[in-house]
Amino acid sequence: MPTFIIERDIPGASNLSKADLCAISAKSNEVVENLGVPYTWITSYVAGDKIYCVHEAPSADAIREHADKGGFPANKITEVTSVIGPETANA
């Protein structure tokens, strides 16, 4: 299944409380359960005024549907084409 990076513009994201992040996570999980398509939220990174999420989904449209139903912005959706890391240098 394709992997996507979702960039979400959320002013003050780095200042969200644990309770705020818990509520956002719970809403995301609820939406994922009810999308009706294979969908996996892998992880998210909170940085400055953005949240960067890594999701597996069948399409960018499924990502948009998740965002719409969850009430989250999805300002930029990019499909991951390769994954590299330190071990890639040894290939």
C-alpha atoms as a PDB file:
ATOM      1  CA  MET A   1       0.000   0.000   0.000  1.00  0.00           C
ATOM      2  CA  PRO A   2       1.356   3.482  -0.782  1.00  0.00           C
ATOM      3  CA  THR A   3       2.840   5.580   2.009  1.00  0.00           C
ATOM      4  CA  PHE A   4       2.157   9.307   2.219  1.00  0.00           C
ATOM      5  CA  ILE A   5       3.595  12.259   4.123  1.00  0.00           C
ATOM      6  CA  ILE A   6       0.857  14.712   5.102  1.00  0.00           C
ATOM      7  CA  GLU A   7       1.809  18.257   6.040  1.00  0.00           C
ATOM      8  CA  ARG A   8      -0.771  19.888   8.287  1.00  0.00           C
ATOM      9  CA  ASP A   9      -0.541  23.629   8.993  1.00  0.00           C
ATOM     10  CA  ILE A  10      -1.719  24.106  12.579  1.00  0.00           C
ATOM     11  CA  PRO A  11      -0.649  27.409  14.132  1.00  0.00           C
ATOM     12  CA  GLY A  12       0.806  26.763  17.580  1.00  0.00           C
ATOM     13  CA  ALA A  13       1.011  23.003  17.028  1.00  0.00           C
ATOM     14  CA  SER A  14       4.129  22.763  19.216  1.00  0.00           C
ATOM     15  CA  ASN A  15       2.125  24.285  22.064  1.00  0.00           C
ATOM     16  CA  LEU A  16      -0.705  21.742  21.953  1.00  0.00           C
ATOM     17  CA  SER A  17      -1.184  20.061  25.319  1.00  0.00           C
ATOM     18  CA  LYS A  18      -1.041  16.314  25.915  1.00  0.00           C
ATOM     19  CA  ALA A  19      -4.831  16.416  26.235  1.00  0.00           C
ATOM     20  CA  ASP A  20      -5.125  18.186  22.866  1.00  0.00           C
ATOM     21  CA  LEU A  21      -2.847  15.640  21.190  1.00  0.00           C
ATOM     22  CA  CYS A  22      -4.791  12.804  22.825  1.00  0.00           C
ATOM     23  CA  ALA A  23      -8.077  14.184  21.473  1.00  0.00           C
ATOM     24  CA  ILE A  24      -6.637  14.636  17.976  1.00  0.00           C
ATOM     25  CA  SER A  25      -5.268  11.079  18.053  1.00  0.00           C
ATOM     26  CA  ALA A  26      -8.561   9.631  19.258  1.00  0.00           C
ATOM     27  CA  LYS A  27     -10.464  11.419  16.480  1.00  0.00           C
ATOM     28  CA  SER A  28      -7.988  10.195  13.869  1.00  0.00           C
ATOM     29  CA  ASN A  29      -8.307   6.608  15.112  1.00  0.00           C
ATOM     30  CA  GLU A  30     -12.105   6.857  15.027  1.00  0.00           C
ATOM     31  CA  VAL A  31     -12.079   8.126  11.443  1.00  0.00           C
ATOM     32  CA  VAL A  32      -9.615   5.404  10.354  1.00  0.00           C
ATOM     33  CA  GLU A  33     -11.911   2.713  11.789  1.00  0.00           C
ATOM     34  CA  ASN A  34     -14.857   4.006   9.775  1.00  0.00           C
ATOM     35  CA  LEU A  35     -13.249   4.877   6.420  1.00  0.00           C
ATOM     36  CA  GLY A  36     -14.113   1.558   4.840  1.00  0.00           C
ATOM     37  CA  VAL A  37     -10.721   1.236   3.111  1.00  0.00           C
ATOM     38  CA  PRO A  38      -7.375  -0.130   4.286  1.00  0.00           C
ATOM     39  CA  TYR A  39      -5.689   2.732   6.123  1.00  0.00           C
ATOM     40  CA  THR A  40      -2.838   2.844   8.640  1.00  0.00           C
ATOM     41  CA  TRP A  41      -1.626   5.838  10.593  1.00  0.00           C
ATOM     42  CA  ILE A  42       2.061   5.101  11.184  1.00  0.00           C
ATOM     43  CA  THR A  43       3.311   8.147  13.123  1.00  0.00           C
ATOM     44  CA  SER A  44       3.206  11.929  13.333  1.00  0.00           C
ATOM     45  CA  TYR A  45       5.754  14.600  14.182  1.00  0.00           C
ATOM     46  CA  VAL A  46       4.811  17.909  15.797  1.00  0.00           C
ATOM     47  CA  ALA A  47       7.212  20.688  14.787  1.00  0.00           C
ATOM     48  CA  GLY A  48       6.603  24.408  15.045  1.00  0.00           C
ATOM     49  CA  ASP A  49       3.302  25.299  13.407  1.00  0.00           C
ATOM     50  CA  LYS A  50       2.960  21.972  11.599  1.00  0.00           C
ATOM     51  CA  ILE A  51       2.184  18.334  12.158  1.00  0.00           C
ATOM     52  CA  TYR A  52       3.797  15.926   9.693  1.00  0.00           C
ATOM     53  CA  CYS A  53       2.015  12.586   9.469  1.00  0.00           C
ATOM     54  CA  VAL A  54       3.023   9.313   7.864  1.00  0.00           C
ATOM     55  CA  HIS A  55       0.055   7.247   6.699  1.00  0.00           C
ATOM     56  CA  GLU A  56      -0.450   4.224   4.475  1.00  0.00           C
ATOM     57  CA  ALA A  57      -3.543   4.503   2.299  1.00  0.00           C
ATOM     58  CA  PRO A  58      -4.733   3.378  -1.107  1.00  0.00           C
ATOM     59  CA  SER A  59      -4.691   6.927  -2.498  1.00  0.00           C
ATOM     60  CA  ALA A  60      -4.306  10.627  -1.789  1.00  0.00           C
ATOM     61  CA  ASP A  61      -8.105  10.823  -2.008  1.00  0.00           C
ATOM     62  CA  ALA A  62      -8.361   8.496   1.001  1.00  0.00           C
ATOM     63  CA  ILE A  63      -5.969  10.814   2.868  1.00  0.00           C
ATOM     64  CA  ARG A  64      -8.198  13.782   1.989  1.00  0.00           C
ATOM     65  CA  GLU A  65     -11.299  11.906   3.135  1.00  0.00           C
ATOM     66  CA  HIS A  66      -9.614  11.101   6.469  1.00  0.00           C
ATOM     67  CA  ALA A  67      -8.707  14.777   6.884  1.00  0.00           C
ATOM     68  CA  ASP A  68     -12.196  16.008   5.969  1.00  0.00           C
ATOM     69  CA  LYS A  69     -13.984  13.587   8.278  1.00  0.00           C
ATOM     70  CA  GLY A  70     -11.542  14.278  11.106  1.00  0.00           C
ATOM     71  CA  GLY A  71     -11.601  18.025  10.729  1.00  0.00           C
ATOM     72  CA  PHE A  72      -7.834  18.133  10.176  1.00  0.00           C
ATOM     73  CA  PRO A  73      -6.038  20.195   7.544  1.00  0.00           C
ATOM     74  CA  ALA A  74      -4.107  18.292   4.893  1.00  0.00           C
ATOM     75  CA  ASN A  75      -2.236  21.158   3.279  1.00  0.00           C
ATOM     76  CA  LYS A  76       0.194  18.998   1.336  1.00  0.00           C
ATOM     77  CA  ILE A  77       0.015  15.271   0.566  1.00  0.00           C
ATOM     78  CA  THR A  78       3.093  13.633  -0.937  1.00  0.00           C
ATOM     79  CA  GLU A  79       3.528   9.978  -1.818  1.00  0.00           C
ATOM     80  CA  VAL A  80       6.777   8.446  -0.563  1.00  0.00           C
ATOM     81  CA  THR A  81       8.744   6.941  -3.440  1.00  0.00           C
ATOM     82  CA  SER A  82      11.839   5.715  -1.553  1.00  0.00           C
ATOM     83  CA  VAL A  83      13.031   5.278   1.997  1.00  0.00           C
ATOM     84  CA  ILE A  84      16.705   5.737   2.831  1.00  0.00           C
ATOM     85  CA  GLY A  85      18.784   5.773   5.985  1.00  0.00           C
ATOM     86  CA  PRO A  86      22.374   5.320   7.121  1.00  0.00           C
ATOM     87  CA  GLU A  87      22.343   1.690   5.982  1.00  0.00           C
ATOM     88  CA  THR A  88      21.545   2.785   2.417  1.00  0.00           C
ATOM     89  CA  ALA A  89      25.187   3.839   2.045  1.00  0.00           C
ATOM     90  CA  ASN A  90      26.182   0.174   2.366  1.00  0.00           C
ATOM     91  CA  ALA A  91      23.936  -1.081  -0.415  1.00  0.00           C
END
